[in-house]
Amino acid sequence: MNFETFPVLKTERFILRQMLIEDAPAVFEIFSDADVTKDIGEDPFRSIEQAEGLINFMNNLFNENKSIRWGII
């Protein structure tokens, strides 16, 4: 399925939206926890730049119509 714009899904409790570079500190906080990354075969993040890279990677996959990953707010 191809989307022209990133779909936003809203409920009473949360919003699913595209991850933004401004979300990097929150992404870093999550992915720097070894308990979070142990089951996905990745080492914990050690820098905010890794979080920014993940956000850019996921957004590029969307732009290429290959994948979609929402941020949960």
N, C-alpha and C. Protein backbone atom coordinates (compact mmCIF):
# COMPACT_ATOMS: atom_id res chain seq x y z
N MET A 1 0.84 -1.16 0.00
CA MET A 1 0.00 0.00 0.00
C MET A 1 0.89 1.23 0.00
N ASN A 2 0.61 2.17 -0.86
CA ASN A 2 1.40 3.40 -0.95
C ASN A 2 0.59 4.57 -0.41
N PHE A 3 1.24 5.39 0.38
CA PHE A 3 0.62 6.58 0.94
C PHE A 3 1.35 7.80 0.39
N GLU A 4 0.60 8.85 0.03
CA GLU A 4 1.23 10.10 -0.39
C GLU A 4 1.80 10.83 0.82
N THR A 5 1.06 10.80 1.92
CA THR A 5 1.52 11.42 3.15
C THR A 5 1.47 10.38 4.25
N PHE A 6 2.26 10.61 5.27
CA PHE A 6 2.33 9.66 6.36
C PHE A 6 1.00 9.64 7.11
N PRO A 7 0.37 8.48 7.26
CA PRO A 7 -0.93 8.43 7.95
C PRO A 7 -0.76 8.64 9.46
N VAL A 8 -1.69 9.38 10.03
CA VAL A 8 -1.73 9.62 11.47
C VAL A 8 -2.99 8.94 12.01
N LEU A 9 -2.83 8.14 13.04
CA LEU A 9 -3.95 7.44 13.66
C LEU A 9 -4.11 7.97 15.08
N LYS A 10 -5.34 8.36 15.44
CA LYS A 10 -5.59 8.93 16.76
C LYS A 10 -6.67 8.14 17.48
N THR A 11 -6.45 7.94 18.78
CA THR A 11 -7.46 7.37 19.66
C THR A 11 -7.55 8.29 20.88
N GLU A 12 -8.39 7.94 21.82
CA GLU A 12 -8.48 8.72 23.05
C GLU A 12 -7.18 8.72 23.82
N ARG A 13 -6.44 7.62 23.75
CA ARG A 13 -5.26 7.45 24.60
C ARG A 13 -3.94 7.76 23.93
N PHE A 14 -3.86 7.66 22.60
CA PHE A 14 -2.57 7.89 21.96
C PHE A 14 -2.73 8.30 20.51
N ILE A 15 -1.61 8.74 19.96
CA ILE A 15 -1.52 9.11 18.55
C ILE A 15 -0.37 8.30 17.94
N LEU A 16 -0.60 7.73 16.79
CA LEU A 16 0.45 7.10 16.00
C LEU A 16 0.79 8.07 14.88
N ARG A 17 2.05 8.48 14.81
CA ARG A 17 2.46 9.45 13.80
C ARG A 17 3.89 9.18 13.37
N GLN A 18 4.29 9.87 12.33
CA GLN A 18 5.65 9.74 11.83
C GLN A 18 6.64 10.21 12.90
N MET A 19 7.75 9.49 13.02
CA MET A 19 8.79 9.93 13.94
C MET A 19 9.52 11.12 13.33
N LEU A 20 9.81 12.09 14.17
CA LEU A 20 10.51 13.30 13.76
C LEU A 20 11.89 13.33 14.40
N ILE A 21 12.80 14.08 13.80
CA ILE A 21 14.14 14.18 14.37
C ILE A 21 14.08 14.73 15.79
N GLU A 22 13.06 15.51 16.08
CA GLU A 22 12.87 16.05 17.44
C GLU A 22 12.55 14.95 18.45
N ASP A 23 12.17 13.77 17.96
CA ASP A 23 11.88 12.63 18.83
C ASP A 23 13.15 11.86 19.21
N ALA A 24 14.29 12.26 18.68
CA ALA A 24 15.53 11.52 18.91
C ALA A 24 15.86 11.33 20.39
N PRO A 25 15.70 12.33 21.26
CA PRO A 25 16.00 12.07 22.67
C PRO A 25 15.15 10.95 23.28
N ALA A 26 13.88 10.90 22.93
CA ALA A 26 13.00 9.85 23.45
C ALA A 26 13.36 8.50 22.86
N VAL A 27 13.67 8.47 21.57
CA VAL A 27 14.08 7.22 20.92
C VAL A 27 15.39 6.73 21.54
N PHE A 28 16.31 7.66 21.77
CA PHE A 28 17.58 7.29 22.40
C PHE A 28 17.35 6.71 23.79
N GLU A 29 16.49 7.34 24.56
CA GLU A 29 16.22 6.84 25.92
C GLU A 29 15.71 5.40 25.89
N ILE A 30 14.85 5.11 24.95
CA ILE A 30 14.29 3.76 24.84
C ILE A 30 15.34 2.77 24.36
N PHE A 31 16.03 3.09 23.26
CA PHE A 31 16.95 2.15 22.64
C PHE A 31 18.32 2.10 23.30
N SER A 32 18.56 2.93 24.31
CA SER A 32 19.82 2.82 25.05
C SER A 32 19.69 1.85 26.22
N ASP A 33 18.50 1.32 26.41
CA ASP A 33 18.23 0.36 27.49
C ASP A 33 18.50 -1.05 26.97
N ALA A 34 19.45 -1.73 27.59
CA ALA A 34 19.81 -3.09 27.16
C ALA A 34 18.65 -4.06 27.24
N ASP A 35 17.72 -3.86 28.15
CA ASP A 35 16.55 -4.74 28.24
C ASP A 35 15.65 -4.58 27.02
N VAL A 36 15.65 -3.42 26.42
CA VAL A 36 14.83 -3.18 25.23
C VAL A 36 15.47 -3.83 24.01
N THR A 37 16.77 -3.70 23.87
CA THR A 37 17.43 -4.15 22.64
C THR A 37 17.86 -5.61 22.66
N LYS A 38 17.83 -6.25 23.81
CA LYS A 38 18.36 -7.62 23.90
C LYS A 38 17.61 -8.61 23.00
N ASP A 39 16.32 -8.41 22.79
CA ASP A 39 15.53 -9.36 22.00
C ASP A 39 15.42 -9.00 20.53
N ILE A 40 16.03 -7.88 20.13
CA ILE A 40 15.97 -7.51 18.72
C ILE A 40 17.33 -7.64 18.03
N GLY A 41 18.29 -8.20 18.75
CA GLY A 41 19.59 -8.46 18.16
C GLY A 41 20.43 -7.23 17.91
N GLU A 42 20.19 -6.17 18.67
CA GLU A 42 20.95 -4.93 18.52
C GLU A 42 21.60 -4.58 19.85
N ASP A 43 22.75 -3.91 19.77
CA ASP A 43 23.36 -3.37 20.97
C ASP A 43 22.62 -2.09 21.37
N PRO A 44 22.63 -1.78 22.65
CA PRO A 44 22.00 -0.52 23.07
C PRO A 44 22.67 0.67 22.39
N PHE A 45 21.86 1.69 22.10
CA PHE A 45 22.40 2.92 21.52
C PHE A 45 23.34 3.57 22.52
N ARG A 46 24.39 4.18 21.99
CA ARG A 46 25.36 4.87 22.83
C ARG A 46 25.41 6.37 22.52
N SER A 47 24.66 6.80 21.50
CA SER A 47 24.66 8.23 21.15
C SER A 47 23.31 8.63 20.57
N ILE A 48 23.02 9.91 20.70
CA ILE A 48 21.79 10.46 20.14
C ILE A 48 21.81 10.36 18.62
N GLU A 49 23.01 10.37 18.04
CA GLU A 49 23.13 10.25 16.58
C GLU A 49 22.59 8.91 16.08
N GLN A 50 22.71 7.87 16.87
CA GLN A 50 22.14 6.57 16.48
C GLN A 50 20.62 6.66 16.43
N ALA A 51 20.03 7.36 17.37
CA ALA A 51 18.58 7.55 17.36
C ALA A 51 18.16 8.37 16.14
N GLU A 52 18.91 9.41 15.85
CA GLU A 52 18.61 10.21 14.66
C GLU A 52 18.74 9.36 13.40
N GLY A 53 19.75 8.50 13.36
CA GLY A 53 19.93 7.61 12.21
C GLY A 53 18.77 6.64 12.04
N LEU A 54 18.27 6.11 13.15
CA LEU A 54 17.12 5.20 13.08
C LEU A 54 15.89 5.94 12.55
N ILE A 55 15.66 7.13 13.05
CA ILE A 55 14.51 7.92 12.58
C ILE A 55 14.65 8.19 11.09
N ASN A 56 15.81 8.63 10.65
CA ASN A 56 16.02 8.90 9.22
C ASN A 56 15.86 7.64 8.39
N PHE A 57 16.40 6.52 8.87
CA PHE A 57 16.28 5.25 8.16
C PHE A 57 14.81 4.86 7.98
N MET A 58 14.04 4.93 9.06
CA MET A 58 12.63 4.55 8.98
C MET A 58 11.85 5.49 8.07
N ASN A 59 12.14 6.78 8.15
CA ASN A 59 11.44 7.73 7.29
C ASN A 59 11.83 7.54 5.83
N ASN A 60 13.08 7.18 5.56
CA ASN A 60 13.48 6.89 4.18
C ASN A 60 12.78 5.65 3.63
N LEU A 61 12.61 4.64 4.48
CA LEU A 61 11.87 3.45 4.03
C LEU A 61 10.44 3.82 3.65
N PHE A 62 9.82 4.70 4.44
CA PHE A 62 8.47 5.16 4.09
C PHE A 62 8.50 5.91 2.76
N ASN A 63 9.45 6.82 2.60
CA ASN A 63 9.53 7.62 1.37
C ASN A 63 9.74 6.75 0.14
N GLU A 64 10.37 5.59 0.32
CA GLU A 64 10.60 4.66 -0.78
C GLU A 64 9.47 3.63 -0.91
N ASN A 65 8.39 3.82 -0.14
CA ASN A 65 7.24 2.91 -0.15
C ASN A 65 7.62 1.47 0.19
N LYS A 66 8.57 1.31 1.11
CA LYS A 66 9.01 -0.02 1.51
C LYS A 66 8.49 -0.44 2.88
N SER A 67 8.22 0.52 3.75
CA SER A 67 7.86 0.18 5.12
C SER A 67 7.24 1.40 5.79
N ILE A 68 6.60 1.14 6.92
CA ILE A 68 6.07 2.23 7.72
C ILE A 68 6.26 1.88 9.19
N ARG A 69 6.74 2.84 9.94
CA ARG A 69 6.86 2.67 11.39
C ARG A 69 6.39 3.96 12.05
N TRP A 70 5.43 3.79 12.92
CA TRP A 70 4.87 4.93 13.62
C TRP A 70 5.60 5.17 14.94
N GLY A 71 5.59 6.42 15.36
CA GLY A 71 5.95 6.78 16.72
C GLY A 71 4.68 6.80 17.53
N ILE A 72 4.72 6.33 18.77
CA ILE A 72 3.54 6.31 19.63
C ILE A 72 3.63 7.46 20.59
N ILE A 73 2.64 8.31 20.57
CA ILE A 73 2.58 9.48 21.44
C ILE A 73 1.42 9.33 22.40
